[in-house]
Amino acid sequence: MQLDACNLPFTAIGNSELGGWFEKSVRCPNCGEAHTLEFGTKRTMHTDGTWSDPVTCKSTAFYRCGNKTYMAGVGGRYLPGLEEA
């Protein structure tokens, strides 16, 4: 059975399933090359109604391989099967 990850309602991963702590890159299981980790940003609203400057948020990590983007880790740790390059 093949599933389309875009149509899954949620993904659950326990702490005991996560790998090591991520640093700067990941070894791609698709191509075997090292890819730089990318992170989202977060902004907060000030009391005067203006937004803060974007700040890197390392709670979720992603990497790109070809024209696709893959999730690499959460909470500072790699998803199962991934490791530092």
PDB file of N, CA and C in Angstrom:
ATOM      1  N   MET A   1       0.844  -1.180   0.000  1.00  0.00           N
ATOM      2  CA  MET A   1       0.000   0.000   0.000  1.00  0.00           C
ATOM      3  C   MET A   1       0.885   1.238   0.000  1.00  0.00           C
ATOM      4  N   GLN A   2       0.671   2.133  -0.921  1.00  0.00           N
ATOM      5  CA  GLN A   2       1.443   3.367  -0.998  1.00  0.00           C
ATOM      6  C   GLN A   2       0.555   4.534  -0.582  1.00  0.00           C
ATOM      7  N   LEU A   3       1.091   5.385   0.304  1.00  0.00           N
ATOM      8  CA  LEU A   3       0.333   6.524   0.799  1.00  0.00           C
ATOM      9  C   LEU A   3       0.929   7.824   0.275  1.00  0.00           C
ATOM     10  N   ASP A   4       0.106   8.791   0.060  1.00  0.00           N
ATOM     11  CA  ASP A   4       0.540  10.124  -0.337  1.00  0.00           C
ATOM     12  C   ASP A   4       0.668  10.950   0.939  1.00  0.00           C
ATOM     13  N   ALA A   5       1.904  11.336   1.288  1.00  0.00           N
ATOM     14  CA  ALA A   5       2.148  12.051   2.545  1.00  0.00           C
ATOM     15  C   ALA A   5       1.379  13.358   2.626  1.00  0.00           C
ATOM     16  N   CYS A   6       1.073  13.980   1.513  1.00  0.00           N
ATOM     17  CA  CYS A   6       0.335  15.244   1.523  1.00  0.00           C
ATOM     18  C   CYS A   6      -1.104  15.050   1.974  1.00  0.00           C
ATOM     19  N   ASN A   7      -1.630  13.844   1.891  1.00  0.00           N
ATOM     20  CA  ASN A   7      -3.023  13.594   2.246  1.00  0.00           C
ATOM     21  C   ASN A   7      -3.187  12.888   3.592  1.00  0.00           C
ATOM     22  N   LEU A   8      -2.095  12.722   4.328  1.00  0.00           N
ATOM     23  CA  LEU A   8      -2.208  12.116   5.650  1.00  0.00           C
ATOM     24  C   LEU A   8      -2.742  13.150   6.633  1.00  0.00           C
ATOM     25  N   PRO A   9      -3.626  12.764   7.541  1.00  0.00           N
ATOM     26  CA  PRO A   9      -4.204  13.738   8.456  1.00  0.00           C
ATOM     27  C   PRO A   9      -3.221  14.249   9.507  1.00  0.00           C
ATOM     28  N   PHE A  10      -2.246  13.431   9.911  1.00  0.00           N
ATOM     29  CA  PHE A  10      -1.246  13.846  10.893  1.00  0.00           C
ATOM     30  C   PHE A  10      -0.100  12.845  10.884  1.00  0.00           C
ATOM     31  N   THR A  11       0.988  13.235  11.521  1.00  0.00           N
ATOM     32  CA  THR A  11       2.125  12.340  11.695  1.00  0.00           C
ATOM     33  C   THR A  11       2.490  12.345  13.166  1.00  0.00           C
ATOM     34  N   ALA A  12       2.658  11.186  13.759  1.00  0.00           N
ATOM     35  CA  ALA A  12       3.028  11.091  15.166  1.00  0.00           C
ATOM     36  C   ALA A  12       4.374  10.394  15.289  1.00  0.00           C
ATOM     37  N   ILE A  13       5.293  11.028  16.007  1.00  0.00           N
ATOM     38  CA  ILE A  13       6.627  10.468  16.239  1.00  0.00           C
ATOM     39  C   ILE A  13       6.944  10.654  17.711  1.00  0.00           C
ATOM     40  N   GLY A  14       7.259   9.575  18.388  1.00  0.00           N
ATOM     41  CA  GLY A  14       7.589   9.644  19.808  1.00  0.00           C
ATOM     42  C   GLY A  14       9.042  10.031  20.033  1.00  0.00           C
ATOM     43  N   ASN A  15       9.334  10.568  21.213  1.00  0.00           N
ATOM     44  CA  ASN A  15      10.708  10.944  21.549  1.00  0.00           C
ATOM     45  C   ASN A  15      11.672   9.786  21.390  1.00  0.00           C
ATOM     46  N   SER A  16      11.239   8.587  21.738  1.00  0.00           N
ATOM     47  CA  SER A  16      12.128   7.422  21.651  1.00  0.00           C
ATOM     48  C   SER A  16      12.438   7.039  20.206  1.00  0.00           C
ATOM     49  N   GLU A  17      11.682   7.566  19.252  1.00  0.00           N
ATOM     50  CA  GLU A  17      11.911   7.266  17.841  1.00  0.00           C
ATOM     51  C   GLU A  17      12.847   8.259  17.163  1.00  0.00           C
ATOM     52  N   LEU A  18      13.053   9.422  17.769  1.00  0.00           N
ATOM     53  CA  LEU A  18      13.883  10.446  17.156  1.00  0.00           C
ATOM     54  C   LEU A  18      15.360  10.072  17.232  1.00  0.00           C
ATOM     55  N   GLY A  19      16.117  10.576  16.258  1.00  0.00           N
ATOM     56  CA  GLY A  19      17.547  10.296  16.203  1.00  0.00           C
ATOM     57  C   GLY A  19      18.345  11.328  16.981  1.00  0.00           C
ATOM     58  N   GLY A  20      19.611  11.520  16.549  1.00  0.00           N
ATOM     59  CA  GLY A  20      20.517  12.451  17.212  1.00  0.00           C
ATOM     60  C   GLY A  20      20.137  13.902  16.987  1.00  0.00           C
ATOM     61  N   TRP A  21      20.842  14.771  17.671  1.00  0.00           N
ATOM     62  CA  TRP A  21      20.611  16.217  17.576  1.00  0.00           C
ATOM     63  C   TRP A  21      21.133  16.735  16.252  1.00  0.00           C
ATOM     64  N   PHE A  22      20.334  17.583  15.585  1.00  0.00           N
ATOM     65  CA  PHE A  22      20.799  18.090  14.298  1.00  0.00           C
ATOM     66  C   PHE A  22      21.661  19.327  14.460  1.00  0.00           C
ATOM     67  N   GLU A  23      22.556  19.495  13.485  1.00  0.00           N
ATOM     68  CA  GLU A  23      23.488  20.621  13.483  1.00  0.00           C
ATOM     69  C   GLU A  23      23.235  21.498  12.267  1.00  0.00           C
ATOM     70  N   LYS A  24      23.900  21.179  11.133  1.00  0.00           N
ATOM     71  CA  LYS A  24      23.828  22.038   9.951  1.00  0.00           C
ATOM     72  C   LYS A  24      23.395  21.325   8.681  1.00  0.00           C
ATOM     73  N   SER A  25      23.598  20.014   8.614  1.00  0.00           N
ATOM     74  CA  SER A  25      23.291  19.310   7.369  1.00  0.00           C
ATOM     75  C   SER A  25      22.772  17.907   7.652  1.00  0.00           C
ATOM     76  N   VAL A  26      22.216  17.301   6.616  1.00  0.00           N
ATOM     77  CA  VAL A  26      21.656  15.955   6.724  1.00  0.00           C
ATOM     78  C   VAL A  26      22.159  15.122   5.547  1.00  0.00           C
ATOM     79  N   ARG A  27      22.375  13.829   5.785  1.00  0.00           N
ATOM     80  CA  ARG A  27      22.712  12.897   4.708  1.00  0.00           C
ATOM     81  C   ARG A  27      21.397  12.451   4.096  1.00  0.00           C
ATOM     82  N   CYS A  28      21.198  12.755   2.828  1.00  0.00           N
ATOM     83  CA  CYS A  28      19.939  12.478   2.150  1.00  0.00           C
ATOM     84  C   CYS A  28      19.807  10.982   1.844  1.00  0.00           C
ATOM     85  N   PRO A  29      18.712  10.347   2.278  1.00  0.00           N
ATOM     86  CA  PRO A  29      18.520   8.932   1.975  1.00  0.00           C
ATOM     87  C   PRO A  29      18.168   8.694   0.500  1.00  0.00           C
ATOM     88  N   ASN A  30      17.775   9.750  -0.221  1.00  0.00           N
ATOM     89  CA  ASN A  30      17.410   9.609  -1.626  1.00  0.00           C
ATOM     90  C   ASN A  30      18.623   9.596  -2.552  1.00  0.00           C
ATOM     91  N   CYS A  31      19.530  10.568  -2.350  1.00  0.00           N
ATOM     92  CA  CYS A  31      20.662  10.699  -3.266  1.00  0.00           C
ATOM     93  C   CYS A  31      22.008  10.433  -2.605  1.00  0.00           C
ATOM     94  N   GLY A  32      22.057  10.356  -1.276  1.00  0.00           N
ATOM     95  CA  GLY A  32      23.300  10.091  -0.563  1.00  0.00           C
ATOM     96  C   GLY A  32      24.163  11.321  -0.324  1.00  0.00           C
ATOM     97  N   GLU A  33      23.767  12.463  -0.862  1.00  0.00           N
ATOM     98  CA  GLU A  33      24.540  13.700  -0.705  1.00  0.00           C
ATOM     99  C   GLU A  33      24.175  14.408   0.598  1.00  0.00           C
ATOM    100  N   ALA A  34      25.026  15.368   0.986  1.00  0.00           N
ATOM    101  CA  ALA A  34      24.747  16.207   2.149  1.00  0.00           C
ATOM    102  C   ALA A  34      23.913  17.409   1.702  1.00  0.00           C
ATOM    103  N   HIS A  35      22.876  17.719   2.459  1.00  0.00           N
ATOM    104  CA  HIS A  35      22.038  18.881   2.176  1.00  0.00           C
ATOM    105  C   HIS A  35      21.984  19.761   3.419  1.00  0.00           C
ATOM    106  N   THR A  36      22.029  21.066   3.210  1.00  0.00           N
ATOM    107  CA  THR A  36      21.954  22.030   4.303  1.00  0.00           C
ATOM    108  C   THR A  36      20.541  22.053   4.884  1.00  0.00           C
ATOM    109  N   LEU A  37      20.475  22.076   6.212  1.00  0.00           N
ATOM    110  CA  LEU A  37      19.175  22.178   6.872  1.00  0.00           C
ATOM    111  C   LEU A  37      18.635  23.592   6.740  1.00  0.00           C
ATOM    112  N   GLU A  38      17.337  23.701   6.594  1.00  0.00           N
ATOM    113  CA  GLU A  38      16.658  24.987   6.526  1.00  0.00           C
ATOM    114  C   GLU A  38      15.625  25.021   7.642  1.00  0.00           C
ATOM    115  N   PHE A  39      15.387  26.218   8.146  1.00  0.00           N
ATOM    116  CA  PHE A  39      14.467  26.385   9.259  1.00  0.00           C
ATOM    117  C   PHE A  39      13.464  27.483   8.941  1.00  0.00           C
ATOM    118  N   GLY A  40      12.305  27.395   9.546  1.00  0.00           N
ATOM    119  CA  GLY A  40      11.309  28.434   9.389  1.00  0.00           C
ATOM    120  C   GLY A  40      11.651  29.636  10.266  1.00  0.00           C
ATOM    121  N   THR A  41      10.825  30.640  10.192  1.00  0.00           N
ATOM    122  CA  THR A  41      10.994  31.809  11.045  1.00  0.00           C
ATOM    123  C   THR A  41       9.696  32.066  11.800  1.00  0.00           C
ATOM    124  N   LYS A  42       9.825  32.785  12.877  1.00  0.00           N
ATOM    125  CA  LYS A  42       8.640  33.173  13.640  1.00  0.00           C
ATOM    126  C   LYS A  42       8.726  34.663  13.932  1.00  0.00           C
ATOM    127  N   ARG A  43       7.566  35.248  14.111  1.00  0.00           N
ATOM    128  CA  ARG A  43       7.479  36.665  14.443  1.00  0.00           C
ATOM    129  C   ARG A  43       6.459  36.820  15.559  1.00  0.00           C
ATOM    130  N   THR A  44       6.653  37.809  16.383  1.00  0.00           N
ATOM    131  CA  THR A  44       5.699  38.074  17.446  1.00  0.00           C
ATOM    132  C   THR A  44       5.127  39.478  17.271  1.00  0.00           C
ATOM    133  N   MET A  45       3.916  39.663  17.745  1.00  0.00           N
ATOM    134  CA  MET A  45       3.285  40.967  17.641  1.00  0.00           C
ATOM    135  C   MET A  45       3.580  41.773  18.905  1.00  0.00           C
ATOM    136  N   HIS A  46       4.038  43.003  18.706  1.00  0.00           N
ATOM    137  CA  HIS A  46       4.294  43.909  19.822  1.00  0.00           C
ATOM    138  C   HIS A  46       2.973  44.467  20.342  1.00  0.00           C
ATOM    139  N   THR A  47       3.020  45.033  21.527  1.00  0.00           N
ATOM    140  CA  THR A  47       1.805  45.587  22.132  1.00  0.00           C
ATOM    141  C   THR A  47       1.232  46.747  21.320  1.00  0.00           C
ATOM    142  N   ASP A  48       2.078  47.394  20.489  1.00  0.00           N
ATOM    143  CA  ASP A  48       1.575  48.492  19.660  1.00  0.00           C
ATOM    144  C   ASP A  48       0.974  48.003  18.338  1.00  0.00           C
ATOM    145  N   GLY A  49       0.887  46.688  18.151  1.00  0.00           N
ATOM    146  CA  GLY A  49       0.277  46.127  16.950  1.00  0.00           C
ATOM    147  C   GLY A  49       1.232  45.896  15.794  1.00  0.00           C
ATOM    148  N   THR A  50       2.506  46.220  15.954  1.00  0.00           N
ATOM    149  CA  THR A  50       3.493  45.970  14.899  1.00  0.00           C
ATOM    150  C   THR A  50       4.148  44.614  15.131  1.00  0.00           C
ATOM    151  N   TRP A  51       4.715  44.057  14.055  1.00  0.00           N
ATOM    152  CA  TRP A  51       5.357  42.743  14.139  1.00  0.00           C
ATOM    153  C   TRP A  51       6.858  42.881  14.365  1.00  0.00           C
ATOM    154  N   SER A  52       7.420  41.928  15.077  1.00  0.00           N
ATOM    155  CA  SER A  52       8.872  41.883  15.275  1.00  0.00           C
ATOM    156  C   SER A  52       9.547  41.448  13.981  1.00  0.00           C
ATOM    157  N   ASP A  53      10.855  41.601  13.931  1.00  0.00           N
ATOM    158  CA  ASP A  53      11.616  41.059  12.810  1.00  0.00           C
ATOM    159  C   ASP A  53      11.570  39.535  12.887  1.00  0.00           C
ATOM    160  N   PRO A  54      11.671  38.839  11.746  1.00  0.00           N
ATOM    161  CA  PRO A  54      11.668  37.369  11.776  1.00  0.00           C
ATOM    162  C   PRO A  54      12.871  36.818  12.547  1.00  0.00           C
ATOM    163  N   VAL A  55      12.634  35.786  13.321  1.00  0.00           N
ATOM    164  CA  VAL A  55      13.668  35.105  14.087  1.00  0.00           C
ATOM    165  C   VAL A  55      13.655  33.638  13.672  1.00  0.00           C
ATOM    166  N   THR A  56      14.824  33.068  13.433  1.00  0.00           N
ATOM    167  CA  THR A  56      14.900  31.660  13.052  1.00  0.00           C
ATOM    168  C   THR A  56      14.312  30.792  14.155  1.00  0.00           C
ATOM    169  N   CYS A  57      13.466  29.867  13.762  1.00  0.00           N
ATOM    170  CA  CYS A  57      12.815  28.944  14.687  1.00  0.00           C
ATOM    171  C   CYS A  57      13.302  27.535  14.349  1.00  0.00           C
ATOM    172  N   LYS A  58      14.093  26.940  15.234  1.00  0.00           N
ATOM    173  CA  LYS A  58      14.684  25.640  14.941  1.00  0.00           C
ATOM    174  C   LYS A  58      13.863  24.469  15.466  1.00  0.00           C
ATOM    175  N   SER A  59      12.577  24.691  15.709  1.00  0.00           N
ATOM    176  CA  SER A  59      11.756  23.585  16.200  1.00  0.00           C
ATOM    177  C   SER A  59      11.493  22.543  15.117  1.00  0.00           C
ATOM    178  N   THR A  60      11.507  22.946  13.856  1.00  0.00           N
ATOM    179  CA  THR A  60      11.306  22.029  12.738  1.00  0.00           C
ATOM    180  C   THR A  60      12.380  22.296  11.686  1.00  0.00           C
ATOM    181  N   ALA A  61      13.018  21.245  11.201  1.00  0.00           N
ATOM    182  CA  ALA A  61      14.069  21.381  10.189  1.00  0.00           C
ATOM    183  C   ALA A  61      13.635  20.708   8.889  1.00  0.00           C
ATOM    184  N   PHE A  62      14.052  21.311   7.767  1.00  0.00           N
ATOM    185  CA  PHE A  62      13.744  20.794   6.446  1.00  0.00           C
ATOM    186  C   PHE A  62      15.006  20.793   5.602  1.00  0.00           C
ATOM    187  N   TYR A  63      15.008  20.031   4.508  1.00  0.00           N
ATOM    188  CA  TYR A  63      16.097  20.082   3.536  1.00  0.00           C
ATOM    189  C   TYR A  63      15.510  19.905   2.150  1.00  0.00           C
ATOM    190  N   ARG A  64      16.247  20.347   1.153  1.00  0.00           N
ATOM    191  CA  ARG A  64      15.797  20.242  -0.231  1.00  0.00           C
ATOM    192  C   ARG A  64      16.700  19.269  -0.984  1.00  0.00           C
ATOM    193  N   CYS A  65      16.065  18.441  -1.806  1.00  0.00           N
ATOM    194  CA  CYS A  65      16.777  17.526  -2.696  1.00  0.00           C
ATOM    195  C   CYS A  65      16.063  17.620  -4.036  1.00  0.00           C
ATOM    196  N   GLY A  66      16.786  18.115  -5.034  1.00  0.00           N
ATOM    197  CA  GLY A  66      16.151  18.347  -6.328  1.00  0.00           C
ATOM    198  C   GLY A  66      15.098  19.423  -6.176  1.00  0.00           C
ATOM    199  N   ASN A  67      13.903  19.150  -6.675  1.00  0.00           N
ATOM    200  CA  ASN A  67      12.832  20.147  -6.576  1.00  0.00           C
ATOM    201  C   ASN A  67      11.834  19.819  -5.460  1.00  0.00           C
ATOM    202  N   LYS A  68      12.240  18.967  -4.513  1.00  0.00           N
ATOM    203  CA  LYS A  68      11.351  18.581  -3.411  1.00  0.00           C
ATOM    204  C   LYS A  68      11.934  19.028  -2.076  1.00  0.00           C
ATOM    205  N   THR A  69      11.050  19.267  -1.119  1.00  0.00           N
ATOM    206  CA  THR A  69      11.438  19.639   0.239  1.00  0.00           C
ATOM    207  C   THR A  69      10.998  18.530   1.185  1.00  0.00           C
ATOM    208  N   TYR A  70      11.900  18.131   2.071  1.00  0.00           N
ATOM    209  CA  TYR A  70      11.633  17.041   3.009  1.00  0.00           C
ATOM    210  C   TYR A  70      11.799  17.530   4.442  1.00  0.00           C
ATOM    211  N   MET A  71      10.993  16.990   5.333  1.00  0.00           N
ATOM    212  CA  MET A  71      11.140  17.296   6.754  1.00  0.00           C
ATOM    213  C   MET A  71      12.307  16.487   7.293  1.00  0.00           C
ATOM    214  N   ALA A  72      13.192  17.119   8.065  1.00  0.00           N
ATOM    215  CA  ALA A  72      14.384  16.436   8.575  1.00  0.00           C
ATOM    216  C   ALA A  72      14.316  16.164  10.071  1.00  0.00           C
ATOM    217  N   GLY A  73      13.666  17.031  10.821  1.00  0.00           N
ATOM    218  CA  GLY A  73      13.653  16.819  12.259  1.00  0.00           C
ATOM    219  C   GLY A  73      12.725  17.756  12.991  1.00  0.00           C
ATOM    220  N   VAL A  74      12.503  17.428  14.255  1.00  0.00           N
ATOM    221  CA  VAL A  74      11.666  18.242  15.141  1.00  0.00           C
ATOM    222  C   VAL A  74      12.349  18.351  16.497  1.00  0.00           C
ATOM    223  N   GLY A  75      12.130  19.465  17.155  1.00  0.00           N
ATOM    224  CA  GLY A  75      12.656  19.640  18.505  1.00  0.00           C
ATOM    225  C   GLY A  75      14.160  19.507  18.591  1.00  0.00           C
ATOM    226  N   GLY A  76      14.866  19.794  17.520  1.00  0.00           N
ATOM    227  CA  GLY A  76      16.321  19.719  17.520  1.00  0.00           C
ATOM    228  C   GLY A  76      16.884  18.346  17.224  1.00  0.00           C
ATOM    229  N   ARG A  77      16.032  17.359  16.940  1.00  0.00           N
ATOM    230  CA  ARG A  77      16.503  15.992  16.681  1.00  0.00           C
ATOM    231  C   ARG A  77      16.008  15.492  15.331  1.00  0.00           C
ATOM    232  N   TYR A  78      16.824  14.637  14.719  1.00  0.00           N
ATOM    233  CA  TYR A  78      16.485  14.077  13.418  1.00  0.00           C
ATOM    234  C   TYR A  78      15.320  13.109  13.482  1.00  0.00           C
ATOM    235  N   LEU A  79      14.563  13.053  12.377  1.00  0.00           N
ATOM    236  CA  LEU A  79      13.530  12.034  12.238  1.00  0.00           C
ATOM    237  C   LEU A  79      14.203  10.678  12.055  1.00  0.00           C
ATOM    238  N   PRO A  80      13.473   9.592  12.307  1.00  0.00           N
ATOM    239  CA  PRO A  80      14.054   8.257  12.165  1.00  0.00           C
ATOM    240  C   PRO A  80      14.655   8.049  10.782  1.00  0.00           C
ATOM    241  N   GLY A  81      15.863   7.470  10.741  1.00  0.00           N
ATOM    242  CA  GLY A  81      16.523   7.159   9.476  1.00  0.00           C
ATOM    243  C   GLY A  81      17.412   8.265   8.931  1.00  0.00           C
ATOM    244  N   LEU A  82      17.435   9.431   9.583  1.00  0.00           N
ATOM    245  CA  LEU A  82      18.267  10.528   9.100  1.00  0.00           C
ATOM    246  C   LEU A  82      19.426  10.756  10.064  1.00  0.00           C
ATOM    247  N   GLU A  83      20.506  11.316   9.534  1.00  0.00           N
ATOM    248  CA  GLU A  83      21.681  11.588  10.367  1.00  0.00           C
ATOM    249  C   GLU A  83      22.449  12.772   9.820  1.00  0.00           C
ATOM    250  N   GLU A  84      23.317  13.318  10.653  1.00  0.00           N
ATOM    251  CA  GLU A  84      24.174  14.435  10.277  1.00  0.00           C
ATOM    252  C   GLU A  84      25.113  14.004   9.161  1.00  0.00           C
ATOM    253  N   ALA A  85      25.315  14.884   8.180  1.00  0.00           N
ATOM    254  CA  ALA A  85      26.208  14.580   7.060  1.00  0.00           C
ATOM    255  C   ALA A  85      27.632  14.975   7.404  1.00  0.00           C
TER     256      ALA A  85
END
